[in-house]
Amino acid sequence: MTTRIVACLCAAWCDTCGAWRAQFERVAAASPQFAFRWIDIEDEADLLGDIDVENFPTVLVAEAGEVLFAGTLRPDPAHLQRVLDVVGSGAALAPPADLDAWRALARRLAGIKADRD
């Protein structure tokens, strides 16, 4: 079984992100079936590729290099847990407008190379 990745894209200078991080880590500790990753958008700008983060926190949930959810969330652990529950149930969530950029990030995080024709 492939591990689902939950990545939070934030910034060290963002007060919301600073307050959110401990809550994000509590959800991570309670959800061992997911691999959680905190990504500082300035420290790891090369990892983001063409993704332009406009609001915080922005979260990616992916599996096997495919995007299951990508978007801004309220910094509320119950809201993140709801997204994880919906994704876990197999329900479809609306893809982000820039799906190709998010897929590229999901593949980089999973260590998967995209097929090239």
PDB file of N, CA and C in Angstrom:
ATOM      1  N   MET A   1       0.838  -1.183   0.000  1.00  0.00           N
ATOM      2  CA  MET A   1       0.000   0.000   0.000  1.00  0.00           C
ATOM      3  C   MET A   1       0.881   1.244   0.000  1.00  0.00           C
ATOM      4  N   THR A   2       0.524   2.208  -0.808  1.00  0.00           N
ATOM      5  CA  THR A   2       1.261   3.456  -0.906  1.00  0.00           C
ATOM      6  C   THR A   2       0.877   4.372   0.243  1.00  0.00           C
ATOM      7  N   THR A   3       1.861   5.066   0.765  1.00  0.00           N
ATOM      8  CA  THR A   3       1.614   6.000   1.848  1.00  0.00           C
ATOM      9  C   THR A   3       1.048   7.303   1.303  1.00  0.00           C
ATOM     10  N   ARG A   4       0.034   7.787   1.935  1.00  0.00           N
ATOM     11  CA  ARG A   4      -0.506   9.100   1.595  1.00  0.00           C
ATOM     12  C   ARG A   4       0.337  10.165   2.290  1.00  0.00           C
ATOM     13  N   ILE A   5       0.626  11.204   1.538  1.00  0.00           N
ATOM     14  CA  ILE A   5       1.430  12.308   2.041  1.00  0.00           C
ATOM     15  C   ILE A   5       0.516  13.483   2.343  1.00  0.00           C
ATOM     16  N   VAL A   6       0.732  14.101   3.483  1.00  0.00           N
ATOM     17  CA  VAL A   6       0.032  15.324   3.855  1.00  0.00           C
ATOM     18  C   VAL A   6       1.110  16.380   4.065  1.00  0.00           C
ATOM     19  N   ALA A   7       1.153  17.351   3.169  1.00  0.00           N
ATOM     20  CA  ALA A   7       2.174  18.394   3.250  1.00  0.00           C
ATOM     21  C   ALA A   7       1.518  19.733   3.516  1.00  0.00           C
ATOM     22  N   CYS A   8       2.057  20.452   4.477  1.00  0.00           N
ATOM     23  CA  CYS A   8       1.580  21.793   4.776  1.00  0.00           C
ATOM     24  C   CYS A   8       2.615  22.783   4.262  1.00  0.00           C
ATOM     25  N   LEU A   9       2.171  23.702   3.414  1.00  0.00           N
ATOM     26  CA  LEU A   9       3.039  24.727   2.848  1.00  0.00           C
ATOM     27  C   LEU A   9       2.806  26.011   3.622  1.00  0.00           C
ATOM     28  N   CYS A  10       3.829  26.453   4.319  1.00  0.00           N
ATOM     29  CA  CYS A  10       3.728  27.633   5.169  1.00  0.00           C
ATOM     30  C   CYS A  10       5.010  28.440   5.068  1.00  0.00           C
ATOM     31  N   ALA A  11       5.101  29.476   5.897  1.00  0.00           N
ATOM     32  CA  ALA A  11       6.289  30.326   5.921  1.00  0.00           C
ATOM     33  C   ALA A  11       6.638  30.669   7.362  1.00  0.00           C
ATOM     34  N   ALA A  12       7.916  30.724   7.651  1.00  0.00           N
ATOM     35  CA  ALA A  12       8.381  31.000   9.009  1.00  0.00           C
ATOM     36  C   ALA A  12       7.909  32.369   9.504  1.00  0.00           C
ATOM     37  N   TRP A  13       7.797  33.333   8.618  1.00  0.00           N
ATOM     38  CA  TRP A  13       7.406  34.691   9.008  1.00  0.00           C
ATOM     39  C   TRP A  13       5.901  34.830   9.265  1.00  0.00           C
ATOM     40  N   CYS A  14       5.117  33.838   8.902  1.00  0.00           N
ATOM     41  CA  CYS A  14       3.661  33.900   9.006  1.00  0.00           C
ATOM     42  C   CYS A  14       3.202  33.525  10.422  1.00  0.00           C
ATOM     43  N   ASP A  15       2.545  34.459  11.102  1.00  0.00           N
ATOM     44  CA  ASP A  15       2.056  34.202  12.461  1.00  0.00           C
ATOM     45  C   ASP A  15       1.021  33.078  12.486  1.00  0.00           C
ATOM     46  N   THR A  16       0.164  33.027  11.477  1.00  0.00           N
ATOM     47  CA  THR A  16      -0.846  31.967  11.399  1.00  0.00           C
ATOM     48  C   THR A  16      -0.166  30.605  11.316  1.00  0.00           C
ATOM     49  N   CYS A  17       0.872  30.519  10.482  1.00  0.00           N
ATOM     50  CA  CYS A  17       1.601  29.254  10.341  1.00  0.00           C
ATOM     51  C   CYS A  17       2.262  28.852  11.653  1.00  0.00           C
ATOM     52  N   GLY A  18       2.848  29.827  12.330  1.00  0.00           N
ATOM     53  CA  GLY A  18       3.504  29.537  13.611  1.00  0.00           C
ATOM     54  C   GLY A  18       2.537  28.954  14.621  1.00  0.00           C
ATOM     55  N   ALA A  19       1.342  29.533  14.688  1.00  0.00           N
ATOM     56  CA  ALA A  19       0.327  29.032  15.615  1.00  0.00           C
ATOM     57  C   ALA A  19      -0.241  27.686  15.165  1.00  0.00           C
ATOM     58  N   TRP A  20      -0.301  27.470  13.864  1.00  0.00           N
ATOM     59  CA  TRP A  20      -0.876  26.261  13.279  1.00  0.00           C
ATOM     60  C   TRP A  20       0.039  25.048  13.395  1.00  0.00           C
ATOM     61  N   ARG A  21       1.342  25.262  13.390  1.00  0.00           N
ATOM     62  CA  ARG A  21       2.281  24.145  13.301  1.00  0.00           C
ATOM     63  C   ARG A  21       2.089  23.098  14.394  1.00  0.00           C
ATOM     64  N   ALA A  22       1.929  23.521  15.634  1.00  0.00           N
ATOM     65  CA  ALA A  22       1.753  22.555  16.734  1.00  0.00           C
ATOM     66  C   ALA A  22       0.472  21.743  16.545  1.00  0.00           C
ATOM     67  N   GLN A  23      -0.587  22.389  16.051  1.00  0.00           N
ATOM     68  CA  GLN A  23      -1.844  21.673  15.808  1.00  0.00           C
ATOM     69  C   GLN A  23      -1.680  20.676  14.664  1.00  0.00           C
ATOM     70  N   PHE A  24      -0.986  21.090  13.611  1.00  0.00           N
ATOM     71  CA  PHE A  24      -0.697  20.205  12.475  1.00  0.00           C
ATOM     72  C   PHE A  24       0.079  18.978  12.957  1.00  0.00           C
ATOM     73  N   GLU A  25       1.063  19.204  13.825  1.00  0.00           N
ATOM     74  CA  GLU A  25       1.866  18.095  14.346  1.00  0.00           C
ATOM     75  C   GLU A  25       1.051  17.171  15.249  1.00  0.00           C
ATOM     76  N   ARG A  26       0.053  17.700  15.958  1.00  0.00           N
ATOM     77  CA  ARG A  26      -0.830  16.840  16.768  1.00  0.00           C
ATOM     78  C   ARG A  26      -1.684  15.944  15.865  1.00  0.00           C
ATOM     79  N   VAL A  27      -2.195  16.506  14.773  1.00  0.00           N
ATOM     80  CA  VAL A  27      -2.956  15.681  13.819  1.00  0.00           C
ATOM     81  C   VAL A  27      -2.033  14.611  13.236  1.00  0.00           C
ATOM     82  N   ALA A  28      -0.806  14.992  12.936  1.00  0.00           N
ATOM     83  CA  ALA A  28       0.169  14.029  12.397  1.00  0.00           C
ATOM     84  C   ALA A  28       0.413  12.890  13.380  1.00  0.00           C
ATOM     85  N   ALA A  29       0.585  13.219  14.642  1.00  0.00           N
ATOM     86  CA  ALA A  29       0.845  12.187  15.658  1.00  0.00           C
ATOM     87  C   ALA A  29      -0.332  11.231  15.806  1.00  0.00           C
ATOM     88  N   ALA A  30      -1.540  11.732  15.575  1.00  0.00           N
ATOM     89  CA  ALA A  30      -2.740  10.908  15.709  1.00  0.00           C
ATOM     90  C   ALA A  30      -3.109  10.181  14.418  1.00  0.00           C
ATOM     91  N   SER A  31      -2.335  10.401  13.355  1.00  0.00           N
ATOM     92  CA  SER A  31      -2.669   9.829  12.045  1.00  0.00           C
ATOM     93  C   SER A  31      -1.455   9.137  11.429  1.00  0.00           C
ATOM     94  N   PRO A  32      -0.984   8.044  12.021  1.00  0.00           N
ATOM     95  CA  PRO A  32       0.233   7.385  11.527  1.00  0.00           C
ATOM     96  C   PRO A  32       0.095   6.760  10.141  1.00  0.00           C
ATOM     97  N   GLN A  33      -1.127   6.654   9.633  1.00  0.00           N
ATOM     98  CA  GLN A  33      -1.326   6.092   8.299  1.00  0.00           C
ATOM     99  C   GLN A  33      -0.927   7.068   7.204  1.00  0.00           C
ATOM    100  N   PHE A  34      -0.649   8.316   7.565  1.00  0.00           N
ATOM    101  CA  PHE A  34      -0.214   9.348   6.625  1.00  0.00           C
ATOM    102  C   PHE A  34       1.223   9.748   6.936  1.00  0.00           C
ATOM    103  N   ALA A  35       1.943  10.173   5.924  1.00  0.00           N
ATOM    104  CA  ALA A  35       3.286  10.743   6.116  1.00  0.00           C
ATOM    105  C   ALA A  35       3.122  12.262   6.046  1.00  0.00           C
ATOM    106  N   PHE A  36       3.339  12.935   7.159  1.00  0.00           N
ATOM    107  CA  PHE A  36       3.158  14.382   7.230  1.00  0.00           C
ATOM    108  C   PHE A  36       4.478  15.087   6.966  1.00  0.00           C
ATOM    109  N   ARG A  37       4.380  16.221   6.305  1.00  0.00           N
ATOM    110  CA  ARG A  37       5.581  17.002   5.969  1.00  0.00           C
ATOM    111  C   ARG A  37       5.256  18.476   6.078  1.00  0.00           C
ATOM    112  N   TRP A  38       6.087  19.221   6.791  1.00  0.00           N
ATOM    113  CA  TRP A  38       5.985  20.671   6.898  1.00  0.00           C
ATOM    114  C   TRP A  38       6.968  21.262   5.898  1.00  0.00           C
ATOM    115  N   ILE A  39       6.494  22.125   5.008  1.00  0.00           N
ATOM    116  CA  ILE A  39       7.351  22.714   3.984  1.00  0.00           C
ATOM    117  C   ILE A  39       7.326  24.226   4.124  1.00  0.00           C
ATOM    118  N   ASP A  40       8.475  24.798   4.424  1.00  0.00           N
ATOM    119  CA  ASP A  40       8.600  26.251   4.449  1.00  0.00           C
ATOM    120  C   ASP A  40       8.790  26.704   3.006  1.00  0.00           C
ATOM    121  N   ILE A  41       7.880  27.519   2.504  1.00  0.00           N
ATOM    122  CA  ILE A  41       7.897  27.872   1.081  1.00  0.00           C
ATOM    123  C   ILE A  41       9.112  28.691   0.680  1.00  0.00           C
ATOM    124  N   GLU A  42       9.780  29.308   1.637  1.00  0.00           N
ATOM    125  CA  GLU A  42      10.987  30.056   1.301  1.00  0.00           C
ATOM    126  C   GLU A  42      12.230  29.180   1.410  1.00  0.00           C
ATOM    127  N   ASP A  43      12.292  28.357   2.436  1.00  0.00           N
ATOM    128  CA  ASP A  43      13.448  27.469   2.602  1.00  0.00           C
ATOM    129  C   ASP A  43      13.482  26.370   1.544  1.00  0.00           C
ATOM    130  N   GLU A  44      12.323  25.966   1.062  1.00  0.00           N
ATOM    131  CA  GLU A  44      12.240  24.876   0.082  1.00  0.00           C
ATOM    132  C   GLU A  44      11.544  25.336  -1.204  1.00  0.00           C
ATOM    133  N   ALA A  45      11.845  26.550  -1.632  1.00  0.00           N
ATOM    134  CA  ALA A  45      11.206  27.126  -2.826  1.00  0.00           C
ATOM    135  C   ALA A  45      11.429  26.262  -4.067  1.00  0.00           C
ATOM    136  N   ASP A  46      12.603  25.658  -4.210  1.00  0.00           N
ATOM    137  CA  ASP A  46      12.877  24.817  -5.378  1.00  0.00           C
ATOM    138  C   ASP A  46      11.954  23.600  -5.433  1.00  0.00           C
ATOM    139  N   LEU A  47      11.580  23.089  -4.283  1.00  0.00           N
ATOM    140  CA  LEU A  47      10.692  21.931  -4.217  1.00  0.00           C
ATOM    141  C   LEU A  47       9.305  22.265  -4.768  1.00  0.00           C
ATOM    142  N   LEU A  48       8.853  23.499  -4.570  1.00  0.00           N
ATOM    143  CA  LEU A  48       7.503  23.891  -4.963  1.00  0.00           C
ATOM    144  C   LEU A  48       7.295  23.981  -6.464  1.00  0.00           C
ATOM    145  N   GLY A  49       8.356  24.224  -7.207  1.00  0.00           N
ATOM    146  CA  GLY A  49       8.200  24.355  -8.651  1.00  0.00           C
ATOM    147  C   GLY A  49       7.342  25.549  -8.999  1.00  0.00           C
ATOM    148  N   ASP A  50       6.274  25.322  -9.774  1.00  0.00           N
ATOM    149  CA  ASP A  50       5.422  26.407 -10.262  1.00  0.00           C
ATOM    150  C   ASP A  50       4.246  26.743  -9.344  1.00  0.00           C
ATOM    151  N   ILE A  51       4.220  26.197  -8.156  1.00  0.00           N
ATOM    152  CA  ILE A  51       3.114  26.480  -7.237  1.00  0.00           C
ATOM    153  C   ILE A  51       3.319  27.844  -6.599  1.00  0.00           C
ATOM    154  N   ASP A  52       2.267  28.648  -6.655  1.00  0.00           N
ATOM    155  CA  ASP A  52       2.278  29.973  -6.043  1.00  0.00           C
ATOM    156  C   ASP A  52       1.335  29.942  -4.845  1.00  0.00           C
ATOM    157  N   VAL A  53       1.897  29.926  -3.658  1.00  0.00           N
ATOM    158  CA  VAL A  53       1.087  29.870  -2.446  1.00  0.00           C
ATOM    159  C   VAL A  53       0.628  31.287  -2.113  1.00  0.00           C
ATOM    160  N   GLU A  54      -0.687  31.478  -2.102  1.00  0.00           N
ATOM    161  CA  GLU A  54      -1.247  32.804  -1.855  1.00  0.00           C
ATOM    162  C   GLU A  54      -1.777  32.981  -0.443  1.00  0.00           C
ATOM    163  N   ASN A  55      -2.204  31.897   0.199  1.00  0.00           N
ATOM    164  CA  ASN A  55      -2.760  31.960   1.552  1.00  0.00           C
ATOM    165  C   ASN A  55      -2.216  30.811   2.382  1.00  0.00           C
ATOM    166  N   PHE A  56      -2.246  31.004   3.692  1.00  0.00           N
ATOM    167  CA  PHE A  56      -1.734  30.002   4.623  1.00  0.00           C
ATOM    168  C   PHE A  56      -2.820  29.588   5.593  1.00  0.00           C
ATOM    169  N   PRO A  57      -2.772  28.338   6.060  1.00  0.00           N
ATOM    170  CA  PRO A  57      -1.947  27.254   5.557  1.00  0.00           C
ATOM    171  C   PRO A  57      -2.532  26.655   4.276  1.00  0.00           C
ATOM    172  N   THR A  58      -1.654  26.244   3.398  1.00  0.00           N
ATOM    173  CA  THR A  58      -2.036  25.529   2.189  1.00  0.00           C
ATOM    174  C   THR A  58      -1.603  24.078   2.377  1.00  0.00           C
ATOM    175  N   VAL A  59      -2.483  23.160   2.064  1.00  0.00           N
ATOM    176  CA  VAL A  59      -2.238  21.740   2.329  1.00  0.00           C
ATOM    177  C   VAL A  59      -2.373  20.934   1.047  1.00  0.00           C
ATOM    178  N   LEU A  60      -1.475  19.969   0.903  1.00  0.00           N
ATOM    179  CA  LEU A  60      -1.526  18.986  -0.176  1.00  0.00           C
ATOM    180  C   LEU A  60      -1.706  17.611   0.450  1.00  0.00           C
ATOM    181  N   VAL A  61      -2.664  16.852  -0.058  1.00  0.00           N
ATOM    182  CA  VAL A  61      -2.801  15.442   0.302  1.00  0.00           C
ATOM    183  C   VAL A  61      -2.636  14.676  -1.005  1.00  0.00           C
ATOM    184  N   ALA A  62      -1.685  13.749  -1.029  1.00  0.00           N
ATOM    185  CA  ALA A  62      -1.371  13.035  -2.263  1.00  0.00           C
ATOM    186  C   ALA A  62      -1.053  11.574  -1.968  1.00  0.00           C
ATOM    187  N   GLU A  63      -1.209  10.763  -3.007  1.00  0.00           N
ATOM    188  CA  GLU A  63      -0.860   9.347  -2.910  1.00  0.00           C
ATOM    189  C   GLU A  63      -0.312   8.909  -4.253  1.00  0.00           C
ATOM    190  N   ALA A  64       0.825   8.258  -4.226  1.00  0.00           N
ATOM    191  CA  ALA A  64       1.461   7.740  -5.438  1.00  0.00           C
ATOM    192  C   ALA A  64       1.619   8.830  -6.498  1.00  0.00           C
ATOM    193  N   GLY A  65       1.923  10.029  -6.054  1.00  0.00           N
ATOM    194  CA  GLY A  65       2.146  11.132  -6.975  1.00  0.00           C
ATOM    195  C   GLY A  65       0.890  11.771  -7.526  1.00  0.00           C
ATOM    196  N   GLU A  66      -0.274  11.343  -7.067  1.00  0.00           N
ATOM    197  CA  GLU A  66      -1.541  11.930  -7.523  1.00  0.00           C
ATOM    198  C   GLU A  66      -2.142  12.796  -6.419  1.00  0.00           C
ATOM    199  N   VAL A  67      -2.708  13.894  -6.810  1.00  0.00           N
ATOM    200  CA  VAL A  67      -3.285  14.861  -5.884  1.00  0.00           C
ATOM    201  C   VAL A  67      -4.681  14.413  -5.461  1.00  0.00           C
ATOM    202  N   LEU A  68      -4.872  14.281  -4.156  1.00  0.00           N
ATOM    203  CA  LEU A  68      -6.188  13.958  -3.613  1.00  0.00           C
ATOM    204  C   LEU A  68      -6.879  15.216  -3.096  1.00  0.00           C
ATOM    205  N   PHE A  69      -6.083  16.180  -2.641  1.00  0.00           N
ATOM    206  CA  PHE A  69      -6.580  17.482  -2.191  1.00  0.00           C
ATOM    207  C   PHE A  69      -5.422  18.463  -2.240  1.00  0.00           C
ATOM    208  N   ALA A  70      -5.706  19.683  -2.650  1.00  0.00           N
ATOM    209  CA  ALA A  70      -4.729  20.766  -2.584  1.00  0.00           C
ATOM    210  C   ALA A  70      -5.485  22.064  -2.427  1.00  0.00           C
ATOM    211  N   GLY A  71      -5.178  22.783  -1.363  1.00  0.00           N
ATOM    212  CA  GLY A  71      -5.844  24.062  -1.167  1.00  0.00           C
ATOM    213  C   GLY A  71      -5.581  24.640   0.203  1.00  0.00           C
ATOM    214  N   THR A  72      -6.109  25.819   0.394  1.00  0.00           N
ATOM    215  CA  THR A  72      -5.974  26.519   1.663  1.00  0.00           C
ATOM    216  C   THR A  72      -7.021  25.997   2.633  1.00  0.00           C
ATOM    217  N   LEU A  73      -6.611  25.799   3.871  1.00  0.00           N
ATOM    218  CA  LEU A  73      -7.520  25.357   4.930  1.00  0.00           C
ATOM    219  C   LEU A  73      -7.545  26.379   6.048  1.00  0.00           C
ATOM    220  N   ARG A  74      -8.644  26.376   6.776  1.00  0.00           N
ATOM    221  CA  ARG A  74      -8.637  27.130   8.031  1.00  0.00           C
ATOM    222  C   ARG A  74      -7.624  26.448   8.936  1.00  0.00           C
ATOM    223  N   PRO A  75      -6.882  27.200   9.732  1.00  0.00           N
ATOM    224  CA  PRO A  75      -5.916  26.568  10.642  1.00  0.00           C
ATOM    225  C   PRO A  75      -6.623  25.956  11.853  1.00  0.00           C
ATOM    226  N   ASP A  76      -7.334  24.889  11.591  1.00  0.00           N
ATOM    227  CA  ASP A  76      -8.160  24.212  12.587  1.00  0.00           C
ATOM    228  C   ASP A  76      -7.945  22.710  12.411  1.00  0.00           C
ATOM    229  N   PRO A  77      -7.482  22.033  13.448  1.00  0.00           N
ATOM    230  CA  PRO A  77      -7.215  20.596  13.302  1.00  0.00           C
ATOM    231  C   PRO A  77      -8.457  19.795  12.905  1.00  0.00           C
ATOM    232  N   ALA A  78      -9.631  20.213  13.332  1.00  0.00           N
ATOM    233  CA  ALA A  78     -10.851  19.496  12.953  1.00  0.00           C
ATOM    234  C   ALA A  78     -11.105  19.620  11.449  1.00  0.00           C
ATOM    235  N   HIS A  79     -10.773  20.763  10.885  1.00  0.00           N
ATOM    236  CA  HIS A  79     -10.954  20.959   9.449  1.00  0.00           C
ATOM    237  C   HIS A  79      -9.993  20.062   8.661  1.00  0.00           C
ATOM    238  N   LEU A  80      -8.725  20.010   9.088  1.00  0.00           N
ATOM    239  CA  LEU A  80      -7.762  19.108   8.439  1.00  0.00           C
ATOM    240  C   LEU A  80      -8.203  17.665   8.580  1.00  0.00           C
ATOM    241  N   GLN A  81      -8.676  17.295   9.766  1.00  0.00           N
ATOM    242  CA  GLN A  81      -9.115  15.916   9.982  1.00  0.00           C
ATOM    243  C   GLN A  81     -10.288  15.575   9.072  1.00  0.00           C
ATOM    244  N   ARG A  82     -11.177  16.532   8.860  1.00  0.00           N
ATOM    245  CA  ARG A  82     -12.317  16.299   7.963  1.00  0.00           C
ATOM    246  C   ARG A  82     -11.833  16.042   6.537  1.00  0.00           C
ATOM    247  N   VAL A  83     -10.857  16.815   6.074  1.00  0.00           N
ATOM    248  CA  VAL A  83     -10.297  16.584   4.736  1.00  0.00           C
ATOM    249  C   VAL A  83      -9.691  15.181   4.668  1.00  0.00           C
ATOM    250  N   LEU A  84      -8.954  14.790   5.691  1.00  0.00           N
ATOM    251  CA  LEU A  84      -8.338  13.458   5.698  1.00  0.00           C
ATOM    252  C   LEU A  84      -9.398  12.362   5.715  1.00  0.00           C
ATOM    253  N   ASP A  85     -10.486  12.582   6.454  1.00  0.00           N
ATOM    254  CA  ASP A  85     -11.571  11.607   6.492  1.00  0.00           C
ATOM    255  C   ASP A  85     -12.245  11.475   5.123  1.00  0.00           C
ATOM    256  N   VAL A  86     -12.487  12.599   4.470  1.00  0.00           N
ATOM    257  CA  VAL A  86     -13.129  12.576   3.152  1.00  0.00           C
ATOM    258  C   VAL A  86     -12.227  11.874   2.144  1.00  0.00           C
ATOM    259  N   VAL A  87     -10.946  12.224   2.154  1.00  0.00           N
ATOM    260  CA  VAL A  87      -9.992  11.576   1.248  1.00  0.00           C
ATOM    261  C   VAL A  87      -9.909  10.080   1.549  1.00  0.00           C
ATOM    262  N   GLY A  88      -9.897   9.735   2.827  1.00  0.00           N
ATOM    263  CA  GLY A  88      -9.831   8.331   3.229  1.00  0.00           C
ATOM    264  C   GLY A  88     -11.044   7.528   2.811  1.00  0.00           C
ATOM    265  N   SER A  89     -12.195   8.202   2.672  1.00  0.00           N
ATOM    266  CA  SER A  89     -13.416   7.503   2.269  1.00  0.00           C
ATOM    267  C   SER A  89     -13.482   7.255   0.770  1.00  0.00           C
ATOM    268  N   GLY A  90     -12.543   7.870   0.044  1.00  0.00           N
ATOM    269  CA  GLY A  90     -12.525   7.710  -1.403  1.00  0.00           C
ATOM    270  C   GLY A  90     -13.372   8.719  -2.143  1.00  0.00           C
ATOM    271  N   ALA A  91     -13.972   9.652  -1.414  1.00  0.00           N
ATOM    272  CA  ALA A  91     -14.788  10.679  -2.067  1.00  0.00           C
ATOM    273  C   ALA A  91     -13.902  11.604  -2.893  1.00  0.00           C
ATOM    274  N   ALA A  92     -14.451  12.056  -3.988  1.00  0.00           N
ATOM    275  CA  ALA A  92     -13.698  12.949  -4.874  1.00  0.00           C
ATOM    276  C   ALA A  92     -13.809  14.383  -4.376  1.00  0.00           C
ATOM    277  N   LEU A  93     -12.696  15.070  -4.380  1.00  0.00           N
ATOM    278  CA  LEU A  93     -12.655  16.489  -4.057  1.00  0.00           C
ATOM    279  C   LEU A  93     -12.288  17.237  -5.325  1.00  0.00           C
ATOM    280  N   ALA A  94     -12.744  18.451  -5.451  1.00  0.00           N
ATOM    281  CA  ALA A  94     -12.454  19.246  -6.646  1.00  0.00           C
ATOM    282  C   ALA A  94     -10.950  19.473  -6.768  1.00  0.00           C
ATOM    283  N   PRO A  95     -10.396  19.239  -7.958  1.00  0.00           N
ATOM    284  CA  PRO A  95      -8.953  19.447  -8.140  1.00  0.00           C
ATOM    285  C   PRO A  95      -8.622  20.938  -8.184  1.00  0.00           C
ATOM    286  N   PRO A  96      -7.403  21.300  -7.811  1.00  0.00           N
ATOM    287  CA  PRO A  96      -7.001  22.706  -7.899  1.00  0.00           C
ATOM    288  C   PRO A  96      -6.870  23.128  -9.357  1.00  0.00           C
ATOM    289  N   ALA A  97      -6.963  24.423  -9.598  1.00  0.00           N
ATOM    290  CA  ALA A  97      -6.880  24.950 -10.962  1.00  0.00           C
ATOM    291  C   ALA A  97      -5.546  24.606 -11.619  1.00  0.00           C
ATOM    292  N   ASP A  98      -4.483  24.634 -10.860  1.00  0.00           N
ATOM    293  CA  ASP A  98      -3.142  24.357 -11.395  1.00  0.00           C
ATOM    294  C   ASP A  98      -2.721  22.924 -11.052  1.00  0.00           C
ATOM    295  N   LEU A  99      -3.548  21.974 -11.445  1.00  0.00           N
ATOM    296  CA  LEU A  99      -3.359  20.563 -11.091  1.00  0.00           C
ATOM    297  C   LEU A  99      -1.993  20.032 -11.507  1.00  0.00           C
ATOM    298  N   ASP A 100      -1.495  20.393 -12.684  1.00  0.00           N
ATOM    299  CA  ASP A 100      -0.200  19.868 -13.132  1.00  0.00           C
ATOM    300  C   ASP A 100       0.929  20.263 -12.189  1.00  0.00           C
ATOM    301  N   ALA A 101       0.917  21.488 -11.692  1.00  0.00           N
ATOM    302  CA  ALA A 101       1.954  21.936 -10.752  1.00  0.00           C
ATOM    303  C   ALA A 101       1.852  21.173  -9.437  1.00  0.00           C
ATOM    304  N   TRP A 102       0.635  20.933  -8.973  1.00  0.00           N
ATOM    305  CA  TRP A 102       0.442  20.174  -7.736  1.00  0.00           C
ATOM    306  C   TRP A 102       0.847  18.715  -7.916  1.00  0.00           C
ATOM    307  N   ARG A 103       0.536  18.137  -9.073  1.00  0.00           N
ATOM    308  CA  ARG A 103       0.975  16.758  -9.348  1.00  0.00           C
ATOM    309  C   ARG A 103       2.495  16.665  -9.340  1.00  0.00           C
ATOM    310  N   ALA A 104       3.143  17.652  -9.920  1.00  0.00           N
ATOM    311  CA  ALA A 104       4.607  17.653  -9.941  1.00  0.00           C
ATOM    312  C   ALA A 104       5.159  17.679  -8.521  1.00  0.00           C
ATOM    313  N   LEU A 105       4.574  18.498  -7.650  1.00  0.00           N
ATOM    314  CA  LEU A 105       5.012  18.530  -6.256  1.00  0.00           C
ATOM    315  C   LEU A 105       4.738  17.190  -5.581  1.00  0.00           C
ATOM    316  N   ALA A 106       3.553  16.627  -5.813  1.00  0.00           N
ATOM    317  CA  ALA A 106       3.212  15.334  -5.209  1.00  0.00           C
ATOM    318  C   ALA A 106       4.211  14.264  -5.626  1.00  0.00           C
ATOM    319  N   ARG A 107       4.605  14.276  -6.878  1.00  0.00           N
ATOM    320  CA  ARG A 107       5.582  13.292  -7.362  1.00  0.00           C
ATOM    321  C   ARG A 107       6.952  13.524  -6.752  1.00  0.00           C
ATOM    322  N   ARG A 108       7.337  14.777  -6.630  1.00  0.00           N
ATOM    323  CA  ARG A 108       8.638  15.056  -5.990  1.00  0.00           C
ATOM    324  C   ARG A 108       8.635  14.579  -4.543  1.00  0.00           C
ATOM    325  N   LEU A 109       7.564  14.828  -3.831  1.00  0.00           N
ATOM    326  CA  LEU A 109       7.486  14.402  -2.438  1.00  0.00           C
ATOM    327  C   LEU A 109       7.490  12.885  -2.303  1.00  0.00           C
ATOM    328  N   ALA A 110       6.882  12.206  -3.266  1.00  0.00           N
ATOM    329  CA  ALA A 110       6.827  10.740  -3.229  1.00  0.00           C
ATOM    330  C   ALA A 110       8.063  10.101  -3.861  1.00  0.00           C
ATOM    331  N   GLY A 111       8.907  10.917  -4.475  1.00  0.00           N
ATOM    332  CA  GLY A 111      10.081  10.370  -5.144  1.00  0.00           C
ATOM    333  C   GLY A 111       9.750   9.653  -6.434  1.00  0.00           C
ATOM    334  N   ILE A 112       8.629  10.019  -7.043  1.00  0.00           N
ATOM    335  CA  ILE A 112       8.181   9.381  -8.284  1.00  0.00           C
ATOM    336  C   ILE A 112       8.533  10.271  -9.464  1.00  0.00           C
ATOM    337  N   LYS A 113       9.107   9.687 -10.470  1.00  0.00           N
ATOM    338  CA  LYS A 113       9.404  10.428 -11.687  1.00  0.00           C
ATOM    339  C   LYS A 113       8.213  10.325 -12.640  1.00  0.00           C
ATOM    340  N   ALA A 114       7.832  11.436 -13.210  1.00  0.00           N
ATOM    341  CA  ALA A 114       6.732  11.436 -14.183  1.00  0.00           C
ATOM    342  C   ALA A 114       7.213  10.774 -15.472  1.00  0.00           C
ATOM    343  N   ASP A 115       6.332  10.002 -16.107  1.00  0.00           N
ATOM    344  CA  ASP A 115       6.659   9.397 -17.396  1.00  0.00           C
ATOM    345  C   ASP A 115       6.804  10.502 -18.442  1.00  0.00           C
ATOM    346  N   ARG A 116       7.783  10.401 -19.264  1.00  0.00           N
ATOM    347  CA  ARG A 116       8.007  11.386 -20.326  1.00  0.00           C
ATOM    348  C   ARG A 116       7.837  10.677 -21.664  1.00  0.00           C
ATOM    349  N   ASP A 117       7.099  11.274 -22.579  1.00  0.00           N
ATOM    350  CA  ASP A 117       6.913  10.693 -23.915  1.00  0.00           C
ATOM    351  C   ASP A 117       7.947  11.217 -24.864  1.00  0.00           C
TER     352      ASP A 117
END
